[in-house]
């Protein structure tokens, strides 16, 4: 008999037919009722065992976490909160689970405890819901770009360039520790290393993606990136995934259109296709909010926040206008901002971004035309000589979700900016070539996938939206 998923059976209206399921025991009560889950849905199916005709030794092996195979009859359930259940005719234990050792018991566990058991935490309702949503978002990302004429490009994980110019990169070498050869200056001689030069794990695939956009027109990357930032916060990971589209002939306005359309598409996808998981996480977040002081509680529920983004047009505001709004705001005048806004040119913090979205405009916001000295070298310089064609998309509860720009397509200007920042031309000769041969206006953006999952699931720590988080002093599993 073919195995059915629990999700399929819970949606079935065909009773009194034989079914076959496999899954893991969530609970077993009264030596009669098994709550079974196979990962296909957040919901369990109840399997009713005839304990009088079941071997007692077998009943003792039906414990939380055990893997079982069940044959039975799908019947209409008489219990509350369920429409169907399985009347068990045959049960086989596929894998035992010692209840004295199994850490994931049917009770509430703290997130820090679950992070120490990241290999098992997906067996809880919260993490199974988060990971199904992560999977759905990933599918929606690819579907959006594929339906809109983009080509998927796999950019290098090992790179000799630092796209952001921020350092904090993991080195890649085959030199043995403390045995690296030195040159005449007493420095490590990377010409003798595996790649013949100093290399690192990438922080972004953008620069390489730009070269492909200048031949294929519309491309996107979606892969792992790395940053060696020694930051133990709820918003930082050492290994994370980035979504980075690049489009030839798009200016900043088209780039803003693309980012808004893309975000709305992927969020609408999960609203349409992940209703059970979203409902569970919405309720989880509501319960969590009740434990916070009134002043710290969110004004919107999880699903309400998603609808807030999908249903509202994104407000487009220049950095200069945003600074004036923040400078004259009540929180700034009453010194309630942790980082006061006093002058043009400051880098905005999350508290400023959230104020603009949640309090002032009451809709998602796209800020554009940032000061050149707080943005990367590859962003197109405006005619005023002091701002660049950069953009950030701001969300409620999280602040910046997307960062992007129109790229600097003028060779002479790009060279000048690289010289000012001491970026050697010989390191990016191939990048400069795209400005020599058929240069054109082009734009793109980057979206940290875990930050999108964080927003979509309502989780508060980014370590809880990636299967196995990599953070300072933590590379377990």
Protein backbone atom coordinates (compact mmCIF):
# COMPACT_ATOMS: atom_id res chain seq x y z
CA UNK A 1 0.00 0.00 0.00
CA UNK A 2 1.31 3.45 -0.89
CA UNK A 3 2.17 5.69 2.04
CA UNK A 4 0.03 8.83 2.48
CA UNK A 5 1.23 12.06 4.03
CA UNK A 6 -0.55 13.25 7.13
CA UNK A 7 -1.27 16.54 5.38
CA UNK A 8 -3.16 14.67 2.65
CA UNK A 9 -5.16 12.61 5.13
CA UNK A 10 -6.18 15.60 7.23
CA UNK A 11 -7.62 17.19 4.09
CA UNK A 12 -9.44 14.02 3.02
CA UNK A 13 -13.20 13.55 3.14
CA UNK A 14 -13.09 9.90 2.13
CA UNK A 15 -13.79 7.73 5.15
CA UNK A 16 -13.59 4.00 5.82
CA UNK A 17 -10.71 3.28 3.48
CA UNK A 18 -7.38 1.70 4.34
CA UNK A 19 -4.40 4.04 4.78
CA UNK A 20 -0.69 3.68 5.46
CA UNK A 21 1.33 6.36 7.27
CA UNK A 22 4.77 6.70 8.80
CA UNK A 23 5.94 9.34 11.22
CA UNK A 24 7.16 10.22 14.70
CA UNK A 25 5.18 9.97 17.90
CA UNK A 26 4.51 13.35 19.47
CA UNK A 27 2.46 12.01 22.38
CA UNK A 28 0.90 8.73 23.44
CA UNK A 29 -1.80 8.92 26.08
CA UNK A 30 -4.04 6.45 27.86
CA UNK A 31 -2.23 3.59 26.08
CA UNK A 32 -4.63 4.34 23.25
CA UNK A 33 -4.17 7.70 21.45
CA UNK A 34 -1.07 8.42 19.36
CA UNK A 35 -0.48 11.97 18.10
CA UNK A 36 1.55 11.29 14.95
CA UNK A 37 3.48 13.79 12.84
CA UNK A 38 5.47 13.22 9.64
CA UNK A 39 6.67 16.77 8.94
CA UNK A 40 4.26 17.39 6.06
CA UNK A 41 2.13 19.69 8.24
CA UNK A 42 2.19 21.29 11.65
CA UNK A 43 -0.91 19.30 12.55
CA UNK A 44 -0.80 15.79 14.02
CA UNK A 45 -3.16 13.00 13.12
CA UNK A 46 -4.66 10.96 15.93
CA UNK A 47 -4.14 7.22 15.63
CA UNK A 48 -6.33 5.11 17.90
CA UNK A 49 -4.82 1.84 19.13
CA UNK A 50 -6.89 -1.10 20.32
CA UNK A 51 -4.79 -1.59 23.45
CA UNK A 52 -6.68 -4.71 24.57
CA UNK A 53 -5.53 -6.54 21.45
CA UNK A 54 -2.06 -5.01 21.28
CA UNK A 55 1.01 -6.60 22.79
CA UNK A 56 1.97 -4.84 26.02
CA UNK A 57 5.66 -4.86 25.12
CA UNK A 58 4.84 -3.04 21.88
CA UNK A 59 2.75 -0.44 23.72
CA UNK A 60 5.71 0.35 25.99
CA UNK A 61 7.80 1.16 22.91
CA UNK A 62 5.35 3.81 21.69
CA UNK A 63 7.17 6.76 23.24
CA UNK A 64 7.69 10.40 22.27
CA UNK A 65 10.13 10.60 19.37
CA UNK A 66 9.75 7.00 18.24
CA UNK A 67 9.39 6.38 14.50
CA UNK A 68 6.41 4.18 13.63
CA UNK A 69 4.66 2.67 10.63
CA UNK A 70 0.87 2.42 10.85
CA UNK A 71 -1.79 0.75 8.78
CA UNK A 72 -5.40 1.44 9.56
CA UNK A 73 -8.78 2.78 8.56
CA UNK A 74 -9.41 6.49 8.11
CA UNK A 75 -12.57 7.35 10.05
CA UNK A 76 -14.47 10.48 11.00
CA UNK A 77 -13.21 11.73 14.35
CA UNK A 78 -15.48 12.26 17.31
CA UNK A 79 -12.89 14.37 19.12
CA UNK A 80 -12.61 18.13 19.18
CA UNK A 81 -10.28 20.00 16.81
CA UNK A 82 -9.96 17.21 14.27
CA UNK A 83 -12.09 15.87 11.45
CA UNK A 84 -10.40 12.52 10.83
CA UNK A 85 -8.41 9.93 12.71
CA UNK A 86 -6.91 6.52 12.02
CA UNK A 87 -8.22 3.34 13.61
CA UNK A 88 -5.02 1.31 13.84
CA UNK A 89 -5.02 -2.25 12.49
CA UNK A 90 -1.26 -2.76 12.43
CA UNK A 91 1.61 -0.87 14.06
CA UNK A 92 5.36 -1.37 13.65
CA UNK A 93 8.12 0.40 15.56
CA UNK A 94 10.72 1.57 13.04
CA UNK A 95 12.98 3.32 15.53
CA UNK A 96 12.81 3.39 19.32
CA UNK A 97 13.22 6.55 21.38
CA UNK A 98 14.34 6.24 25.00
CA UNK A 99 12.07 8.60 26.98
CA UNK A 100 14.74 9.04 29.66
CA UNK A 101 17.25 10.36 27.12
CA UNK A 102 15.19 12.04 24.37
CA UNK A 103 15.55 15.82 25.00
CA UNK A 104 12.50 17.05 23.03
CA UNK A 105 9.64 16.30 25.39
CA UNK A 106 5.99 17.40 24.87
CA UNK A 107 6.41 20.60 26.86
CA UNK A 108 7.68 24.11 26.22
CA UNK A 109 11.44 24.35 25.82
CA UNK A 110 13.55 27.51 25.90
CA UNK A 111 15.10 28.60 22.62
CA UNK A 112 18.65 28.49 24.01
CA UNK A 113 18.10 24.85 25.02
CA UNK A 114 16.78 24.11 21.54
CA UNK A 115 19.80 25.80 19.91
CA UNK A 116 22.01 23.39 21.83
CA UNK A 117 19.89 20.64 20.29
CA UNK A 118 19.60 22.11 16.81
CA UNK A 119 19.70 18.64 15.26
CA UNK A 120 16.42 17.78 17.00
CA UNK A 121 14.67 21.14 17.41
CA UNK A 122 12.91 20.84 14.04
CA UNK A 123 10.76 18.16 15.70
CA UNK A 124 9.01 20.89 17.68
CA UNK A 125 5.98 22.72 16.28
CA UNK A 126 7.73 26.08 16.25
CA UNK A 127 10.81 25.00 14.33
CA UNK A 128 9.01 22.70 11.93
CA UNK A 129 6.74 25.65 11.05
CA UNK A 130 9.72 27.99 10.65
CA UNK A 131 11.59 25.58 8.39
CA UNK A 132 8.57 24.83 6.20
CA UNK A 133 8.12 28.58 5.76
CA UNK A 134 11.81 28.95 4.96
CA UNK A 135 11.43 26.28 2.29
CA UNK A 136 8.32 27.96 0.85
CA UNK A 137 10.05 31.35 0.73
CA UNK A 138 13.04 29.81 -1.02
CA UNK A 139 10.77 28.28 -3.65
CA UNK A 140 8.93 31.57 -4.10
CA UNK A 141 12.23 33.42 -4.61
CA UNK A 142 13.21 31.15 -7.49
CA UNK A 143 9.70 31.10 -8.91
CA UNK A 144 9.47 34.90 -9.00
CA UNK A 145 12.75 35.37 -10.83
CA UNK A 146 12.23 32.45 -13.21
CA UNK A 147 8.77 33.72 -14.16
CA UNK A 148 10.18 37.19 -14.81
CA UNK A 149 12.95 36.27 -17.20
CA UNK A 150 15.91 36.17 -14.79
CA UNK A 151 18.75 33.68 -15.08
CA UNK A 152 20.09 31.97 -11.96
CA UNK A 153 23.85 32.49 -11.62
CA UNK A 154 26.08 30.64 -9.15
CA UNK A 155 28.74 33.13 -8.12
CA UNK A 156 31.96 32.00 -6.39
CA UNK A 157 32.05 31.19 -2.69
CA UNK A 158 35.84 31.56 -2.75
CA UNK A 159 36.85 35.03 -3.90
CA UNK A 160 39.78 37.38 -4.05
CA UNK A 161 37.66 40.52 -3.72
CA UNK A 162 35.79 42.22 -0.90
CA UNK A 163 32.58 43.52 -2.46
CA UNK A 164 31.59 45.62 0.52
CA UNK A 165 35.07 46.91 1.33
CA UNK A 166 34.41 46.23 5.00
CA UNK A 167 37.02 43.54 5.67
CA UNK A 168 35.80 40.98 8.21
CA UNK A 169 36.24 38.08 5.78
CA UNK A 170 37.18 34.46 6.46
CA UNK A 171 40.50 33.57 4.85
CA UNK A 172 40.82 30.51 2.63
CA UNK A 173 44.23 28.83 2.60
CA UNK A 174 45.89 25.44 2.45
CA UNK A 175 48.89 26.64 4.46
CA UNK A 176 49.42 24.74 7.69
CA UNK A 177 49.01 26.81 10.83
CA UNK A 178 52.28 28.52 11.82
CA UNK A 179 54.01 27.09 8.73
CA UNK A 180 53.03 29.65 6.08
CA UNK A 181 55.98 30.70 3.89
CA UNK A 182 57.14 34.31 4.20
CA UNK A 183 58.37 36.73 1.53
CA UNK A 184 61.35 39.08 1.76
CA UNK A 185 59.27 41.59 3.72
CA UNK A 186 58.46 38.97 6.34
CA UNK A 187 54.81 38.76 5.28
CA UNK A 188 52.89 35.62 4.30
CA UNK A 189 53.72 34.75 0.70
CA UNK A 190 50.31 34.03 -0.79
CA UNK A 191 51.82 33.43 -4.22
CA UNK A 192 52.71 29.99 -2.87
CA UNK A 193 49.21 29.34 -1.58
CA UNK A 194 46.69 27.09 -3.37
CA UNK A 195 45.18 29.89 -5.49
CA UNK A 196 48.41 31.87 -5.82
CA UNK A 197 46.87 34.87 -4.07
CA UNK A 198 45.06 35.83 -0.89
CA UNK A 199 41.49 34.50 -0.99
CA UNK A 200 38.45 34.60 1.27
CA UNK A 201 34.92 33.32 1.66
CA UNK A 202 32.59 35.71 -0.15
CA UNK A 203 30.46 38.34 1.56
CA UNK A 204 28.48 38.94 -1.64
CA UNK A 205 28.11 37.66 -5.17
CA UNK A 206 27.17 41.10 -6.47
CA UNK A 207 30.31 42.07 -8.36
CA UNK A 208 30.42 38.78 -10.25
CA UNK A 209 26.65 38.94 -10.87
CA UNK A 210 27.09 42.37 -12.45
CA UNK A 211 29.36 40.90 -15.10
CA UNK A 212 26.70 38.35 -16.02
CA UNK A 213 23.92 40.96 -16.06
CA UNK A 214 25.95 42.81 -18.67
CA UNK A 215 25.57 39.81 -20.97
CA UNK A 216 22.38 38.00 -19.94
CA UNK A 217 20.38 41.12 -19.04
CA UNK A 218 18.64 39.90 -15.87
CA UNK A 219 20.32 37.57 -13.39
CA UNK A 220 20.07 36.67 -9.73
CA UNK A 221 22.18 34.85 -7.18
CA UNK A 222 20.84 32.96 -4.17
CA UNK A 223 23.54 31.34 -2.12
CA UNK A 224 25.62 31.29 1.06
CA UNK A 225 27.77 34.25 2.09
CA UNK A 226 30.07 34.75 5.06
CA UNK A 227 31.17 37.53 7.36
CA UNK A 228 33.77 37.23 10.12
CA UNK A 229 32.14 39.88 12.29
CA UNK A 230 32.62 39.05 15.97
CA UNK A 231 29.08 40.05 16.85
CA UNK A 232 26.90 38.04 19.22
CA UNK A 233 23.56 39.69 18.53
CA UNK A 234 20.09 38.50 17.55
CA UNK A 235 20.64 39.90 14.02
CA UNK A 236 24.05 38.52 13.04
CA UNK A 237 25.29 35.24 11.60
CA UNK A 238 28.74 34.28 10.30
CA UNK A 239 27.13 32.20 7.53
CA UNK A 240 23.96 33.42 5.86
CA UNK A 241 22.19 33.35 2.49
CA UNK A 242 21.84 36.30 0.15
CA UNK A 243 19.43 37.01 -2.71
CA UNK A 244 21.03 39.40 -5.19
CA UNK A 245 19.39 40.31 -8.52
CA UNK A 246 21.26 42.46 -11.04
CA UNK A 247 19.55 43.99 -14.08
CA UNK A 248 21.11 45.67 -17.09
CA UNK A 249 19.49 48.94 -18.22
CA UNK A 250 17.57 49.37 -14.92
CA UNK A 251 17.98 52.72 -13.18
CA UNK A 252 17.26 53.33 -9.50
CA UNK A 253 13.52 53.84 -10.04
CA UNK A 254 13.24 50.50 -11.83
CA UNK A 255 15.31 48.93 -9.06
CA UNK A 256 12.86 50.20 -6.45
CA UNK A 257 9.96 48.85 -8.53
CA UNK A 258 11.64 45.45 -8.72
CA UNK A 259 12.35 45.23 -4.99
CA UNK A 260 8.78 46.12 -4.06
CA UNK A 261 7.23 43.73 -6.56
CA UNK A 262 9.56 40.90 -5.51
CA UNK A 263 8.94 41.27 -1.78
CA UNK A 264 5.19 41.45 -2.21
CA UNK A 265 5.23 38.34 -4.39
CA UNK A 266 7.14 36.10 -1.97
CA UNK A 267 5.11 37.24 1.05
CA UNK A 268 1.85 36.73 -0.82
CA UNK A 269 3.06 33.26 -1.73
CA UNK A 270 3.41 32.20 1.90
CA UNK A 271 0.11 33.87 2.82
CA UNK A 272 -1.55 31.75 0.14
CA UNK A 273 0.31 28.49 0.73
CA UNK A 274 1.40 28.31 4.39
CA UNK A 275 -1.76 29.21 6.28
CA UNK A 276 -1.52 26.56 9.01
CA UNK A 277 2.09 27.37 9.86
CA UNK A 278 1.45 31.12 9.78
CA UNK A 279 -1.60 30.75 12.02
CA UNK A 280 0.46 28.78 14.55
CA UNK A 281 3.33 31.29 14.51
CA UNK A 282 0.88 34.20 14.66
CA UNK A 283 -0.63 32.73 17.83
CA UNK A 284 2.85 31.95 19.25
CA UNK A 285 3.91 35.57 18.72
CA UNK A 286 0.69 36.88 20.29
CA UNK A 287 1.32 34.80 23.41
CA UNK A 288 4.92 35.99 23.54
CA UNK A 289 3.88 39.62 23.22
CA UNK A 290 1.64 39.26 26.29
CA UNK A 291 4.71 38.59 28.43
CA UNK A 292 6.33 41.91 27.44
CA UNK A 293 5.77 45.28 29.10
CA UNK A 294 2.98 47.22 27.40
CA UNK A 295 5.37 49.77 25.91
CA UNK A 296 7.43 47.05 24.19
CA UNK A 297 4.56 45.15 22.61
CA UNK A 298 4.13 45.14 18.86
CA UNK A 299 1.07 46.92 17.53
CA UNK A 300 0.59 44.29 14.81
CA UNK A 301 0.29 40.52 14.79
CA UNK A 302 2.41 38.41 12.47
CA UNK A 303 -0.10 37.93 9.67
CA UNK A 304 -1.14 41.56 10.05
CA UNK A 305 2.48 42.63 9.47
CA UNK A 306 2.71 40.52 6.33
CA UNK A 307 -0.52 42.01 5.02
CA UNK A 308 0.79 45.47 5.96
CA UNK A 309 3.67 44.97 3.53
CA UNK A 310 1.68 43.25 0.78
CA UNK A 311 -1.29 45.63 0.80
CA UNK A 312 0.49 48.99 1.06
CA UNK A 313 2.40 50.89 -1.59
CA UNK A 314 5.96 51.50 -0.44
CA UNK A 315 6.59 55.17 0.29
CA UNK A 316 9.67 56.54 -1.48
CA UNK A 317 11.57 59.14 0.49
CA UNK A 318 14.99 60.70 -0.02
CA UNK A 319 17.55 60.37 2.74
CA UNK A 320 17.61 64.16 3.04
CA UNK A 321 13.84 64.33 3.61
CA UNK A 322 14.05 61.45 6.11
CA UNK A 323 16.73 63.28 8.12
CA UNK A 324 14.49 66.34 8.40
CA UNK A 325 11.55 64.19 9.54
CA UNK A 326 13.69 62.45 12.15
CA UNK A 327 15.37 65.62 13.33
CA UNK A 328 11.99 67.24 13.97
CA UNK A 329 10.33 64.14 15.43
CA UNK A 330 9.12 63.99 19.03
CA UNK A 331 11.40 61.08 19.99
CA UNK A 332 14.42 63.02 18.74
CA UNK A 333 13.43 66.29 20.39
CA UNK A 334 12.66 64.49 23.67
CA UNK A 335 15.97 62.58 23.41
CA UNK A 336 14.25 59.19 23.32
CA UNK A 337 16.33 57.93 20.41
CA UNK A 338 19.39 56.01 21.55
CA UNK A 339 21.21 57.63 18.63
CA UNK A 340 20.10 61.28 18.27
CA UNK A 341 19.69 62.67 14.75
CA UNK A 342 21.32 66.08 14.65
CA UNK A 343 22.92 66.49 11.26
CA UNK A 344 22.83 65.37 7.65
CA UNK A 345 25.24 62.55 6.90
CA UNK A 346 24.65 60.24 9.84
CA UNK A 347 24.06 56.54 9.20
CA UNK A 348 20.49 55.70 10.18
CA UNK A 349 19.91 53.11 12.89
CA UNK A 350 17.13 50.54 13.20
CA UNK A 351 15.22 52.77 15.63
CA UNK A 352 15.14 55.58 13.06
CA UNK A 353 14.08 53.26 10.25
CA UNK A 354 11.29 51.74 12.33
CA UNK A 355 10.04 55.18 13.35
CA UNK A 356 9.69 56.18 9.71
CA UNK A 357 7.79 52.99 8.86
CA UNK A 358 5.68 52.41 11.96
CA UNK A 359 5.00 55.90 13.26
CA UNK A 360 5.45 58.52 10.56
CA UNK A 361 4.44 57.01 7.21
CA UNK A 362 2.64 53.88 8.52
CA UNK A 363 3.69 51.86 5.47
CA UNK A 364 6.90 50.27 4.15
CA UNK A 365 9.44 52.89 3.12
CA UNK A 366 12.17 53.02 0.48
CA UNK A 367 14.89 55.55 1.32
CA UNK A 368 17.12 56.69 -1.53
CA UNK A 369 19.99 59.02 -2.41
CA UNK A 370 22.23 58.41 0.60
CA UNK A 371 25.45 60.30 1.44
CA UNK A 372 28.28 58.88 -0.64
CA UNK A 373 30.66 58.58 2.31
CA UNK A 374 28.48 56.00 4.11
CA UNK A 375 27.89 53.80 1.08
CA UNK A 376 29.97 51.41 -1.05
CA UNK A 377 32.31 52.42 -3.88
CA UNK A 378 30.23 50.83 -6.65
CA UNK A 379 27.13 53.01 -6.14
CA UNK A 380 26.48 55.65 -8.79
CA UNK A 381 27.44 59.17 -7.78
CA UNK A 382 24.70 61.77 -8.21
CA UNK A 383 25.26 65.08 -9.94
CA UNK A 384 25.46 66.87 -6.58
CA UNK A 385 28.73 65.03 -5.94
CA UNK A 386 27.79 64.15 -2.37
CA UNK A 387 25.02 61.55 -2.66
CA UNK A 388 24.76 58.21 -4.43
CA UNK A 389 21.88 56.38 -6.11
CA UNK A 390 21.45 53.99 -3.19
CA UNK A 391 18.23 52.63 -1.73
CA UNK A 392 17.14 50.78 1.41
CA UNK A 393 13.74 49.11 1.86
CA UNK A 394 12.47 49.46 5.43
CA UNK A 395 10.00 47.12 7.15
CA UNK A 396 7.99 47.31 10.38
CA UNK A 397 9.58 45.62 13.38
CA UNK A 398 12.91 45.03 11.65
CA UNK A 399 14.12 48.16 9.88
CA UNK A 400 16.26 47.59 6.78
CA UNK A 401 15.22 44.57 4.72
CA UNK A 402 16.85 45.36 1.36
CA UNK A 403 19.89 47.36 0.36
CA UNK A 404 20.63 48.22 -3.24
CA UNK A 405 21.68 50.82 -5.73
CA UNK A 406 22.13 51.90 -9.29
CA UNK A 407 25.70 50.86 -10.03
CA UNK A 408 28.39 53.29 -11.15
CA UNK A 409 28.68 52.57 -14.88
CA UNK A 410 31.13 55.39 -15.71
CA UNK A 411 34.69 54.06 -15.83
CA UNK A 412 36.40 57.33 -14.92
CA UNK A 413 34.15 58.01 -11.94
CA UNK A 414 34.48 54.41 -10.71
CA UNK A 415 38.26 54.62 -10.88
CA UNK A 416 38.25 57.89 -8.93
CA UNK A 417 36.09 56.36 -6.18
CA UNK A 418 38.31 53.28 -5.95
CA UNK A 419 41.40 55.49 -5.68
CA UNK A 420 39.82 57.52 -2.86
CA UNK A 421 39.17 54.29 -0.95
CA UNK A 422 42.57 52.76 -1.75
CA UNK A 423 41.04 49.86 -3.71
CA UNK A 424 43.75 48.67 -6.15
CA UNK A 425 42.59 48.60 -9.77
CA UNK A 426 44.59 45.43 -10.42
CA UNK A 427 42.43 43.52 -7.92
CA UNK A 428 39.22 44.41 -9.79
CA UNK A 429 40.51 44.65 -13.36
CA UNK A 430 37.78 42.30 -14.55
CA UNK A 431 35.09 44.44 -12.88
CA UNK A 432 36.48 47.57 -14.56
CA UNK A 433 36.39 45.77 -17.93
CA UNK A 434 32.59 45.79 -17.85
CA UNK A 435 32.82 49.60 -17.86
CA UNK A 436 35.26 49.55 -20.78
CA UNK A 437 33.31 47.25 -23.08
CA UNK A 438 29.66 48.13 -23.61
CA UNK A 439 28.96 49.85 -20.32
CA UNK A 440 25.35 50.73 -19.53
CA UNK A 441 23.14 51.79 -16.67
CA UNK A 442 22.43 48.82 -14.40
CA UNK A 443 21.11 48.24 -10.90
CA UNK A 444 20.61 45.58 -8.27
CA UNK A 445 19.98 44.88 -4.62
CA UNK A 446 20.77 42.43 -1.86
CA UNK A 447 18.33 40.83 0.54
CA UNK A 448 19.52 38.72 3.46
CA UNK A 449 17.36 35.62 3.25
CA UNK A 450 17.44 34.93 7.00
CA UNK A 451 16.23 38.45 7.68
CA UNK A 452 13.28 37.81 5.36
CA UNK A 453 12.55 34.51 7.15
CA UNK A 454 12.85 36.30 10.49
CA UNK A 455 10.22 38.83 9.44
CA UNK A 456 7.92 36.22 7.92
CA UNK A 457 7.96 33.90 10.93
CA UNK A 458 7.91 36.47 13.73
CA UNK A 459 10.95 34.93 15.39
CA UNK A 460 13.13 37.30 17.38
CA UNK A 461 16.56 35.72 16.92
CA UNK A 462 18.15 35.08 13.52
CA UNK A 463 19.78 31.91 14.90
CA UNK A 464 16.33 30.38 14.96
CA UNK A 465 15.55 30.73 11.25
CA UNK A 466 18.53 28.83 9.82
CA UNK A 467 18.93 25.09 10.38
CA UNK A 468 22.41 25.17 11.92
CA UNK A 469 23.54 28.69 12.90
CA UNK A 470 27.19 29.67 12.62
CA UNK A 471 28.11 32.37 15.14
CA UNK A 472 31.23 33.37 17.14
CA UNK A 473 32.48 30.37 19.14
CA UNK A 474 29.78 28.14 17.64
CA UNK A 475 30.24 25.74 14.75
CA UNK A 476 28.45 22.76 16.28
CA UNK A 477 26.70 20.15 14.13
